[in-house]
């Protein structure tokens, strides 16, 4: 995704005082944020907020509707019906079943993640089916230090050329992950070049996970990494589950296998998130 080059704020015509005129891209990004927060916006309110004419706002809304970001109504706009409908996942599937679901998409995402990850030296790797696959691609990078709380990853890729550092702590048997205060303490003094985070869902409100047991380490990885990357296949768009991990503004890159729906794409762009669409794998891969 190419970010729109928003122009800096510029003063209106003389006599406008402190009122500022924004670029169309900047206005439209904020309109999307207001739509997510409020569900609807009105032309008069937006014109007053941005200190522009109602005709300018109608032109903005028309452009956004053509992109699929919203639906115009009499005097305003609302989110598209598909954008406002969010499914809630109440039960976490087993790792084995998650690994089989959308397997080809996850392989594509994992391969694209590895191409990015191999450029760095220290990498924090979250638990999950897509991160598990990414570890296989990264395991032969001899310059790489991988920090993870996934016992499954450590076991699967051993012996690896990459150095593997495993967090201790309380084990979660079903996910084969470690967590708790001991694991947090071990990694809390480290700073990582990059992190790969697995999620159960992605909406305009941010990213989600099934289990609170893993949530604190996921947040630690996000807070202590220079580059924060979320791995999420398209089946997880507009889905949420038990734990809200972070807002859109708390990560930098989304790697997926197909473009998100228009309204979600607009919110990702408003949050300055780069979206990487993983290419198809070679047939002999």
C-alpha atoms as a PDB file:
ATOM      1  CA  UNK A   1       0.000   0.000   0.000  1.00  0.00           C
ATOM      2  CA  UNK A   2       1.354   3.409  -0.914  1.00  0.00           C
ATOM      3  CA  UNK A   3       0.633   6.059   1.660  1.00  0.00           C
ATOM      4  CA  UNK A   4      -1.030   9.194   0.414  1.00  0.00           C
ATOM      5  CA  UNK A   5       1.343  12.133   0.596  1.00  0.00           C
ATOM      6  CA  UNK A   6      -0.657  14.373   2.884  1.00  0.00           C
ATOM      7  CA  UNK A   7       0.267  18.036   2.577  1.00  0.00           C
ATOM      8  CA  UNK A   8       1.124  19.933   5.738  1.00  0.00           C
ATOM      9  CA  UNK A   9      -1.560  22.096   7.277  1.00  0.00           C
ATOM     10  CA  UNK A  10      -1.839  25.450   5.529  1.00  0.00           C
ATOM     11  CA  UNK A  11      -3.576  28.618   6.665  1.00  0.00           C
ATOM     12  CA  UNK A  12      -6.874  29.465   5.008  1.00  0.00           C
ATOM     13  CA  UNK A  13      -7.375  32.768   3.284  1.00  0.00           C
ATOM     14  CA  UNK A  14      -6.427  35.924   5.180  1.00  0.00           C
ATOM     15  CA  UNK A  15      -8.757  36.638   8.076  1.00  0.00           C
ATOM     16  CA  UNK A  16      -9.297  32.970   8.911  1.00  0.00           C
ATOM     17  CA  UNK A  17      -7.251  33.325  12.126  1.00  0.00           C
ATOM     18  CA  UNK A  18      -6.129  29.987  13.576  1.00  0.00           C
ATOM     19  CA  UNK A  19      -8.395  27.910  11.335  1.00  0.00           C
ATOM     20  CA  UNK A  20      -6.484  25.469   9.159  1.00  0.00           C
ATOM     21  CA  UNK A  21      -7.263  23.780   5.890  1.00  0.00           C
ATOM     22  CA  UNK A  22      -6.191  20.148   5.524  1.00  0.00           C
ATOM     23  CA  UNK A  23      -5.387  18.175   2.425  1.00  0.00           C
ATOM     24  CA  UNK A  24      -8.115  15.909   1.049  1.00  0.00           C
ATOM     25  CA  UNK A  25      -6.115  12.820   2.092  1.00  0.00           C
ATOM     26  CA  UNK A  26      -5.800  14.072   5.657  1.00  0.00           C
ATOM     27  CA  UNK A  27      -9.509  14.913   5.889  1.00  0.00           C
ATOM     28  CA  UNK A  28     -10.546  11.571   4.482  1.00  0.00           C
ATOM     29  CA  UNK A  29      -8.336   9.664   6.912  1.00  0.00           C
ATOM     30  CA  UNK A  30      -9.947  11.450   9.848  1.00  0.00           C
ATOM     31  CA  UNK A  31     -13.424  10.912   8.403  1.00  0.00           C
ATOM     32  CA  UNK A  32     -12.721   7.163   8.463  1.00  0.00           C
ATOM     33  CA  UNK A  33     -11.637   7.359  12.083  1.00  0.00           C
ATOM     34  CA  UNK A  34     -14.809   9.247  12.986  1.00  0.00           C
ATOM     35  CA  UNK A  35     -16.937   6.683  11.152  1.00  0.00           C
ATOM     36  CA  UNK A  36     -15.384   3.839  13.120  1.00  0.00           C
ATOM     37  CA  UNK A  37     -15.886   5.708  16.400  1.00  0.00           C
ATOM     38  CA  UNK A  38     -19.382   7.046  15.750  1.00  0.00           C
ATOM     39  CA  UNK A  39     -20.914   4.854  13.045  1.00  0.00           C
ATOM     40  CA  UNK A  40     -22.066   7.853  11.008  1.00  0.00           C
ATOM     41  CA  UNK A  41     -21.003  11.382  10.062  1.00  0.00           C
ATOM     42  CA  UNK A  42     -22.888  14.407   8.756  1.00  0.00           C
ATOM     43  CA  UNK A  43     -21.841  16.865   6.073  1.00  0.00           C
ATOM     44  CA  UNK A  44     -22.510  20.017   8.160  1.00  0.00           C
ATOM     45  CA  UNK A  45     -20.557  18.678  11.140  1.00  0.00           C
ATOM     46  CA  UNK A  46     -17.592  17.705   8.970  1.00  0.00           C
ATOM     47  CA  UNK A  47     -17.606  21.055   7.169  1.00  0.00           C
ATOM     48  CA  UNK A  48     -17.485  22.852  10.519  1.00  0.00           C
ATOM     49  CA  UNK A  49     -14.801  20.540  11.894  1.00  0.00           C
ATOM     50  CA  UNK A  50     -12.450  20.963   8.935  1.00  0.00           C
ATOM     51  CA  UNK A  51     -13.353  24.614   8.191  1.00  0.00           C
ATOM     52  CA  UNK A  52     -14.245  23.885   4.573  1.00  0.00           C
ATOM     53  CA  UNK A  53     -17.404  24.149   2.514  1.00  0.00           C
ATOM     54  CA  UNK A  54     -20.105  21.484   2.515  1.00  0.00           C
ATOM     55  CA  UNK A  55     -19.434  21.047  -1.201  1.00  0.00           C
ATOM     56  CA  UNK A  56     -15.814  20.089  -0.390  1.00  0.00           C
ATOM     57  CA  UNK A  57     -17.026  17.523   2.142  1.00  0.00           C
ATOM     58  CA  UNK A  58     -19.532  16.057  -0.338  1.00  0.00           C
ATOM     59  CA  UNK A  59     -16.718  15.733  -2.857  1.00  0.00           C
ATOM     60  CA  UNK A  60     -14.592  13.932  -0.233  1.00  0.00           C
ATOM     61  CA  UNK A  61     -17.424  11.543   0.605  1.00  0.00           C
ATOM     62  CA  UNK A  62     -18.056  10.846  -3.081  1.00  0.00           C
ATOM     63  CA  UNK A  63     -14.401   9.922  -3.614  1.00  0.00           C
ATOM     64  CA  UNK A  64     -14.445   7.694  -0.543  1.00  0.00           C
ATOM     65  CA  UNK A  65     -17.622   5.968  -1.676  1.00  0.00           C
ATOM     66  CA  UNK A  66     -16.058   5.248  -5.074  1.00  0.00           C
ATOM     67  CA  UNK A  67     -13.215   3.496  -3.216  1.00  0.00           C
ATOM     68  CA  UNK A  68     -15.733   1.438  -1.216  1.00  0.00           C
ATOM     69  CA  UNK A  69     -14.728   3.058   2.082  1.00  0.00           C
ATOM     70  CA  UNK A  70     -18.216   4.287   3.023  1.00  0.00           C
ATOM     71  CA  UNK A  71     -21.824   4.607   1.893  1.00  0.00           C
ATOM     72  CA  UNK A  72     -23.281   8.073   1.433  1.00  0.00           C
ATOM     73  CA  UNK A  73     -26.620   8.868   3.039  1.00  0.00           C
ATOM     74  CA  UNK A  74     -28.865  11.915   2.903  1.00  0.00           C
ATOM     75  CA  UNK A  75     -26.708  14.570   4.519  1.00  0.00           C
ATOM     76  CA  UNK A  76     -23.805  12.323   5.535  1.00  0.00           C
ATOM     77  CA  UNK A  77     -22.272   8.865   5.373  1.00  0.00           C
ATOM     78  CA  UNK A  78     -22.050   5.522   7.195  1.00  0.00           C
ATOM     79  CA  UNK A  79     -19.694   2.572   7.031  1.00  0.00           C
ATOM     80  CA  UNK A  80     -20.493  -0.103   4.448  1.00  0.00           C
ATOM     81  CA  UNK A  81     -22.563  -2.910   5.937  1.00  0.00           C
ATOM     82  CA  UNK A  82     -19.725  -5.401   5.413  1.00  0.00           C
ATOM     83  CA  UNK A  83     -17.345  -3.129   7.307  1.00  0.00           C
ATOM     84  CA  UNK A  84     -19.530  -2.750  10.369  1.00  0.00           C
ATOM     85  CA  UNK A  85     -20.282  -6.480  10.728  1.00  0.00           C
ATOM     86  CA  UNK A  86     -17.679  -8.066  12.981  1.00  0.00           C
ATOM     87  CA  UNK A  87     -17.729 -11.770  13.835  1.00  0.00           C
ATOM     88  CA  UNK A  88     -16.760 -12.880  17.340  1.00  0.00           C
ATOM     89  CA  UNK A  89     -14.778 -16.074  17.854  1.00  0.00           C
ATOM     90  CA  UNK A  90     -15.465 -17.527  21.292  1.00  0.00           C
ATOM     91  CA  UNK A  91     -13.502 -20.777  21.105  1.00  0.00           C
ATOM     92  CA  UNK A  92      -9.835 -21.172  20.215  1.00  0.00           C
ATOM     93  CA  UNK A  93      -9.314 -23.984  17.678  1.00  0.00           C
ATOM     94  CA  UNK A  94      -6.465 -26.397  18.328  1.00  0.00           C
ATOM     95  CA  UNK A  95      -3.055 -25.583  16.886  1.00  0.00           C
ATOM     96  CA  UNK A  96      -3.311 -28.546  14.523  1.00  0.00           C
ATOM     97  CA  UNK A  97      -6.619 -27.376  13.076  1.00  0.00           C
ATOM     98  CA  UNK A  98      -5.397 -23.771  12.768  1.00  0.00           C
ATOM     99  CA  UNK A  99      -2.301 -24.971  10.924  1.00  0.00           C
ATOM    100  CA  UNK A 100      -4.487 -26.685   8.333  1.00  0.00           C
ATOM    101  CA  UNK A 101      -6.896 -23.777   7.909  1.00  0.00           C
ATOM    102  CA  UNK A 102      -5.934 -21.528   4.979  1.00  0.00           C
ATOM    103  CA  UNK A 103      -2.610 -23.350   4.900  1.00  0.00           C
ATOM    104  CA  UNK A 104      -1.477 -22.076   1.501  1.00  0.00           C
ATOM    105  CA  UNK A 105      -2.239 -18.477   2.498  1.00  0.00           C
ATOM    106  CA  UNK A 106      -0.259 -18.920   5.701  1.00  0.00           C
ATOM    107  CA  UNK A 107       2.679 -20.364   3.792  1.00  0.00           C
ATOM    108  CA  UNK A 108       2.687 -17.341   1.503  1.00  0.00           C
ATOM    109  CA  UNK A 109       2.573 -14.966   4.477  1.00  0.00           C
ATOM    110  CA  UNK A 110       5.299 -16.919   6.286  1.00  0.00           C
ATOM    111  CA  UNK A 111       7.588 -16.824   3.255  1.00  0.00           C
ATOM    112  CA  UNK A 112       7.066 -13.075   2.800  1.00  0.00           C
ATOM    113  CA  UNK A 113       7.706 -12.521   6.508  1.00  0.00           C
ATOM    114  CA  UNK A 114      10.951 -14.494   6.311  1.00  0.00           C
ATOM    115  CA  UNK A 115      12.167 -12.381   3.391  1.00  0.00           C
ATOM    116  CA  UNK A 116      11.700  -9.339   5.588  1.00  0.00           C
ATOM    117  CA  UNK A 117      12.968 -10.931   8.801  1.00  0.00           C
ATOM    118  CA  UNK A 118      16.265 -12.178   7.364  1.00  0.00           C
ATOM    119  CA  UNK A 119      17.388  -8.567   6.894  1.00  0.00           C
ATOM    120  CA  UNK A 120      17.711  -8.159  10.668  1.00  0.00           C
ATOM    121  CA  UNK A 121      19.754  -9.674  13.482  1.00  0.00           C
ATOM    122  CA  UNK A 122      17.337  -9.997  16.427  1.00  0.00           C
ATOM    123  CA  UNK A 123      13.777 -11.181  15.966  1.00  0.00           C
ATOM    124  CA  UNK A 124      10.993 -11.751  18.511  1.00  0.00           C
ATOM    125  CA  UNK A 125       8.715 -14.531  17.308  1.00  0.00           C
ATOM    126  CA  UNK A 126       5.230 -14.940  18.720  1.00  0.00           C
ATOM    127  CA  UNK A 127       3.310 -18.195  19.090  1.00  0.00           C
ATOM    128  CA  UNK A 128       0.808 -19.191  16.398  1.00  0.00           C
ATOM    129  CA  UNK A 129       0.408 -21.242  13.248  1.00  0.00           C
ATOM    130  CA  UNK A 130       1.675 -18.611  10.787  1.00  0.00           C
ATOM    131  CA  UNK A 131       4.641 -17.640  12.969  1.00  0.00           C
ATOM    132  CA  UNK A 132       5.427 -21.356  13.299  1.00  0.00           C
ATOM    133  CA  UNK A 133       5.674 -21.611   9.509  1.00  0.00           C
ATOM    134  CA  UNK A 134       7.754 -18.433   9.335  1.00  0.00           C
ATOM    135  CA  UNK A 135      10.246 -19.974  11.781  1.00  0.00           C
ATOM    136  CA  UNK A 136      10.885 -22.824   9.335  1.00  0.00           C
ATOM    137  CA  UNK A 137      11.858 -20.342   6.631  1.00  0.00           C
ATOM    138  CA  UNK A 138      14.094 -18.411   9.039  1.00  0.00           C
ATOM    139  CA  UNK A 139      15.818 -21.315  10.738  1.00  0.00           C
ATOM    140  CA  UNK A 140      18.789 -21.450   8.357  1.00  0.00           C
ATOM    141  CA  UNK A 141      19.739 -17.776   8.733  1.00  0.00           C
ATOM    142  CA  UNK A 142      22.988 -18.139  10.663  1.00  0.00           C
ATOM    143  CA  UNK A 143      23.241 -14.424  11.475  1.00  0.00           C
ATOM    144  CA  UNK A 144      19.802 -14.347  13.131  1.00  0.00           C
ATOM    145  CA  UNK A 145      18.949 -14.533  16.819  1.00  0.00           C
ATOM    146  CA  UNK A 146      15.335 -15.674  17.337  1.00  0.00           C
ATOM    147  CA  UNK A 147      13.656 -14.992  20.684  1.00  0.00           C
ATOM    148  CA  UNK A 148      10.410 -16.880  21.238  1.00  0.00           C
ATOM    149  CA  UNK A 149       8.093 -18.343  23.845  1.00  0.00           C
ATOM    150  CA  UNK A 150       7.044 -21.168  21.523  1.00  0.00           C
ATOM    151  CA  UNK A 151       8.348 -24.569  22.571  1.00  0.00           C
ATOM    152  CA  UNK A 152       6.888 -25.934  19.344  1.00  0.00           C
ATOM    153  CA  UNK A 153       9.037 -23.593  17.253  1.00  0.00           C
ATOM    154  CA  UNK A 154      12.201 -24.352  19.230  1.00  0.00           C
ATOM    155  CA  UNK A 155      11.668 -28.097  18.889  1.00  0.00           C
ATOM    156  CA  UNK A 156      10.574 -28.064  15.248  1.00  0.00           C
ATOM    157  CA  UNK A 157      13.502 -26.128  13.806  1.00  0.00           C
ATOM    158  CA  UNK A 158      16.255 -27.690  15.932  1.00  0.00           C
ATOM    159  CA  UNK A 159      19.018 -28.034  14.989  1.00  0.00           C
ATOM    160  CA  UNK A 160      18.941 -24.618  13.332  1.00  0.00           C
ATOM    161  CA  UNK A 161      21.661 -22.314  12.086  1.00  0.00           C
ATOM    162  CA  UNK A 162      19.843 -19.404  13.692  1.00  0.00           C
ATOM    163  CA  UNK A 163      20.370 -18.978  17.424  1.00  0.00           C
ATOM    164  CA  UNK A 164      17.191 -19.759  19.364  1.00  0.00           C
ATOM    165  CA  UNK A 165      16.464 -18.152  22.735  1.00  0.00           C
ATOM    166  CA  UNK A 166      13.480 -19.612  24.569  1.00  0.00           C
ATOM    167  CA  UNK A 167      11.633 -17.839  27.377  1.00  0.00           C
ATOM    168  CA  UNK A 168      11.118 -19.829  30.550  1.00  0.00           C
ATOM    169  CA  UNK A 169       8.052 -19.692  32.718  1.00  0.00           C
ATOM    170  CA  UNK A 170       4.764 -21.468  33.057  1.00  0.00           C
ATOM    171  CA  UNK A 171       3.926 -23.744  30.121  1.00  0.00           C
ATOM    172  CA  UNK A 172       0.602 -23.673  28.320  1.00  0.00           C
ATOM    173  CA  UNK A 173       0.333 -27.324  27.178  1.00  0.00           C
ATOM    174  CA  UNK A 174      -2.241 -26.936  24.388  1.00  0.00           C
ATOM    175  CA  UNK A 175      -0.261 -24.198  22.640  1.00  0.00           C
ATOM    176  CA  UNK A 176       3.176 -25.428  23.794  1.00  0.00           C
ATOM    177  CA  UNK A 177       4.032 -21.892  24.836  1.00  0.00           C
ATOM    178  CA  UNK A 178       5.571 -20.360  27.933  1.00  0.00           C
ATOM    179  CA  UNK A 179       4.304 -17.303  29.738  1.00  0.00           C
ATOM    180  CA  UNK A 180       3.784 -15.625  33.059  1.00  0.00           C
ATOM    181  CA  UNK A 181       5.980 -13.295  35.109  1.00  0.00           C
ATOM    182  CA  UNK A 182       9.175 -15.315  34.632  1.00  0.00           C
ATOM    183  CA  UNK A 183       8.956 -15.184  30.843  1.00  0.00           C
ATOM    184  CA  UNK A 184       8.102 -11.486  30.885  1.00  0.00           C
ATOM    185  CA  UNK A 185      11.014 -10.720  33.168  1.00  0.00           C
ATOM    186  CA  UNK A 186      13.514 -12.575  30.975  1.00  0.00           C
ATOM    187  CA  UNK A 187      12.591 -10.670  27.821  1.00  0.00           C
ATOM    188  CA  UNK A 188      11.678  -7.299  29.361  1.00  0.00           C
ATOM    189  CA  UNK A 189      15.281  -6.040  29.325  1.00  0.00           C
ATOM    190  CA  UNK A 190      15.809  -6.869  25.629  1.00  0.00           C
ATOM    191  CA  UNK A 191      15.234  -4.760  22.541  1.00  0.00           C
ATOM    192  CA  UNK A 192      14.460  -6.524  19.246  1.00  0.00           C
ATOM    193  CA  UNK A 193      15.026  -5.332  15.704  1.00  0.00           C
ATOM    194  CA  UNK A 194      11.738  -6.807  14.521  1.00  0.00           C
ATOM    195  CA  UNK A 195       8.825  -8.861  15.811  1.00  0.00           C
ATOM    196  CA  UNK A 196       6.293 -11.095  14.078  1.00  0.00           C
ATOM    197  CA  UNK A 197       2.932 -11.240  15.840  1.00  0.00           C
ATOM    198  CA  UNK A 198       0.232 -13.820  15.165  1.00  0.00           C
ATOM    199  CA  UNK A 199      -3.386 -12.800  15.695  1.00  0.00           C
ATOM    200  CA  UNK A 200      -6.863 -14.301  15.684  1.00  0.00           C
ATOM    201  CA  UNK A 201      -8.537 -11.254  14.202  1.00  0.00           C
ATOM    202  CA  UNK A 202      -8.139  -7.788  12.738  1.00  0.00           C
ATOM    203  CA  UNK A 203     -10.720  -5.004  12.729  1.00  0.00           C
ATOM    204  CA  UNK A 204     -10.685  -1.219  12.621  1.00  0.00           C
ATOM    205  CA  UNK A 205     -10.286  -1.342  16.398  1.00  0.00           C
ATOM    206  CA  UNK A 206      -7.005  -3.260  16.174  1.00  0.00           C
ATOM    207  CA  UNK A 207      -5.719  -6.822  16.597  1.00  0.00           C
ATOM    208  CA  UNK A 208      -7.048  -9.670  18.754  1.00  0.00           C
ATOM    209  CA  UNK A 209      -6.006 -12.997  20.197  1.00  0.00           C
ATOM    210  CA  UNK A 210      -7.838 -15.944  21.737  1.00  0.00           C
ATOM    211  CA  UNK A 211      -5.825 -16.433  24.921  1.00  0.00           C
ATOM    212  CA  UNK A 212      -5.011 -14.000  27.690  1.00  0.00           C
ATOM    213  CA  UNK A 213      -2.158 -16.347  28.733  1.00  0.00           C
ATOM    214  CA  UNK A 214      -0.132 -15.303  25.676  1.00  0.00           C
ATOM    215  CA  UNK A 215      -1.310 -11.691  25.480  1.00  0.00           C
ATOM    216  CA  UNK A 216       1.245 -10.074  27.784  1.00  0.00           C
ATOM    217  CA  UNK A 217       4.231 -11.454  25.856  1.00  0.00           C
ATOM    218  CA  UNK A 218       2.661 -10.376  22.581  1.00  0.00           C
ATOM    219  CA  UNK A 219       2.360  -6.854  23.974  1.00  0.00           C
ATOM    220  CA  UNK A 220       5.944  -7.000  25.234  1.00  0.00           C
ATOM    221  CA  UNK A 221       7.151  -7.964  21.756  1.00  0.00           C
ATOM    222  CA  UNK A 222       5.226  -5.014  20.307  1.00  0.00           C
ATOM    223  CA  UNK A 223       6.514  -2.576  22.916  1.00  0.00           C
ATOM    224  CA  UNK A 224      10.158  -3.643  22.654  1.00  0.00           C
ATOM    225  CA  UNK A 225      10.663  -3.999  18.904  1.00  0.00           C
ATOM    226  CA  UNK A 226      11.820  -1.396  16.411  1.00  0.00           C
ATOM    227  CA  UNK A 227       9.665  -2.849  13.638  1.00  0.00           C
ATOM    228  CA  UNK A 228       6.311  -4.410  14.529  1.00  0.00           C
ATOM    229  CA  UNK A 229       4.812  -6.810  11.979  1.00  0.00           C
ATOM    230  CA  UNK A 230       1.429  -8.537  12.163  1.00  0.00           C
ATOM    231  CA  UNK A 231       0.890 -11.767  10.205  1.00  0.00           C
ATOM    232  CA  UNK A 232      -2.790 -12.218   9.383  1.00  0.00           C
ATOM    233  CA  UNK A 233      -4.527 -14.149   6.603  1.00  0.00           C
ATOM    234  CA  UNK A 234      -7.654 -12.707   5.033  1.00  0.00           C
ATOM    235  CA  UNK A 235     -10.031 -15.088   6.820  1.00  0.00           C
ATOM    236  CA  UNK A 236      -9.316 -13.114  10.027  1.00  0.00           C
ATOM    237  CA  UNK A 237     -10.392  -9.728   8.692  1.00  0.00           C
ATOM    238  CA  UNK A 238     -13.402  -8.356  10.581  1.00  0.00           C
ATOM    239  CA  UNK A 239     -13.063 -10.946  13.345  1.00  0.00           C
ATOM    240  CA  UNK A 240     -12.440 -10.400  17.023  1.00  0.00           C
ATOM    241  CA  UNK A 241     -11.957 -12.667  20.028  1.00  0.00           C
ATOM    242  CA  UNK A 242     -11.321 -12.561  23.763  1.00  0.00           C
ATOM    243  CA  UNK A 243      -8.252 -10.318  24.019  1.00  0.00           C
ATOM    244  CA  UNK A 244      -7.739  -6.948  22.363  1.00  0.00           C
ATOM    245  CA  UNK A 245      -3.960  -6.796  21.923  1.00  0.00           C
ATOM    246  CA  UNK A 246      -3.300  -3.425  20.337  1.00  0.00           C
ATOM    247  CA  UNK A 247      -4.751  -0.653  18.212  1.00  0.00           C
ATOM    248  CA  UNK A 248      -3.839  -0.199  14.566  1.00  0.00           C
ATOM    249  CA  UNK A 249      -1.404   2.567  15.493  1.00  0.00           C
ATOM    250  CA  UNK A 250       0.639   0.171  17.632  1.00  0.00           C
ATOM    251  CA  UNK A 251       2.141  -1.793  14.745  1.00  0.00           C
ATOM    252  CA  UNK A 252       3.875  -0.883  11.494  1.00  0.00           C
ATOM    253  CA  UNK A 253       3.312  -3.581   8.876  1.00  0.00           C
ATOM    254  CA  UNK A 254       0.583  -6.070   8.000  1.00  0.00           C
ATOM    255  CA  UNK A 255       1.535  -9.097   5.904  1.00  0.00           C
ATOM    256  CA  UNK A 256      -1.431 -10.889   4.360  1.00  0.00           C
ATOM    257  CA  UNK A 257      -2.266 -12.780   1.183  1.00  0.00           C
ATOM    258  CA  UNK A 258      -4.998 -10.528  -0.215  1.00  0.00           C
ATOM    259  CA  UNK A 259      -6.027  -6.925   0.166  1.00  0.00           C
ATOM    260  CA  UNK A 260      -8.321  -6.121   3.108  1.00  0.00           C
ATOM    261  CA  UNK A 261     -11.844  -4.857   2.329  1.00  0.00           C
ATOM    262  CA  UNK A 262     -11.955  -1.175   1.316  1.00  0.00           C
ATOM    263  CA  UNK A 263     -13.136   0.266   4.647  1.00  0.00           C
ATOM    264  CA  UNK A 264     -10.514  -1.667   6.600  1.00  0.00           C
ATOM    265  CA  UNK A 265      -7.866  -0.718   4.043  1.00  0.00           C
ATOM    266  CA  UNK A 266      -8.762   2.926   4.555  1.00  0.00           C
ATOM    267  CA  UNK A 267      -8.351   2.571   8.315  1.00  0.00           C
ATOM    268  CA  UNK A 268      -4.995   0.833   7.897  1.00  0.00           C
ATOM    269  CA  UNK A 269      -3.856   3.644   5.636  1.00  0.00           C
ATOM    270  CA  UNK A 270      -5.071   6.232   8.142  1.00  0.00           C
ATOM    271  CA  UNK A 271      -2.926   4.488  10.770  1.00  0.00           C
ATOM    272  CA  UNK A 272       0.121   4.608   8.420  1.00  0.00           C
ATOM    273  CA  UNK A 273       0.387   0.824   8.252  1.00  0.00           C
ATOM    274  CA  UNK A 274       2.191  -0.674   5.273  1.00  0.00           C
ATOM    275  CA  UNK A 275       0.269  -3.616   3.851  1.00  0.00           C
ATOM    276  CA  UNK A 276       2.397  -6.286   2.178  1.00  0.00           C
ATOM    277  CA  UNK A 277       0.494  -8.718  -0.043  1.00  0.00           C
ATOM    278  CA  UNK A 278       2.443 -11.975   0.001  1.00  0.00           C
ATOM    279  CA  UNK A 279       3.064 -13.289  -3.515  1.00  0.00           C
ATOM    280  CA  UNK A 280       2.083 -16.757  -4.643  1.00  0.00           C
ATOM    281  CA  UNK A 281       4.669 -19.419  -3.911  1.00  0.00           C
ATOM    282  CA  UNK A 282       6.608 -21.098  -6.719  1.00  0.00           C
ATOM    283  CA  UNK A 283       4.915 -24.316  -7.829  1.00  0.00           C
ATOM    284  CA  UNK A 284       7.858 -26.408  -6.663  1.00  0.00           C
ATOM    285  CA  UNK A 285       7.880 -24.814  -3.174  1.00  0.00           C
END
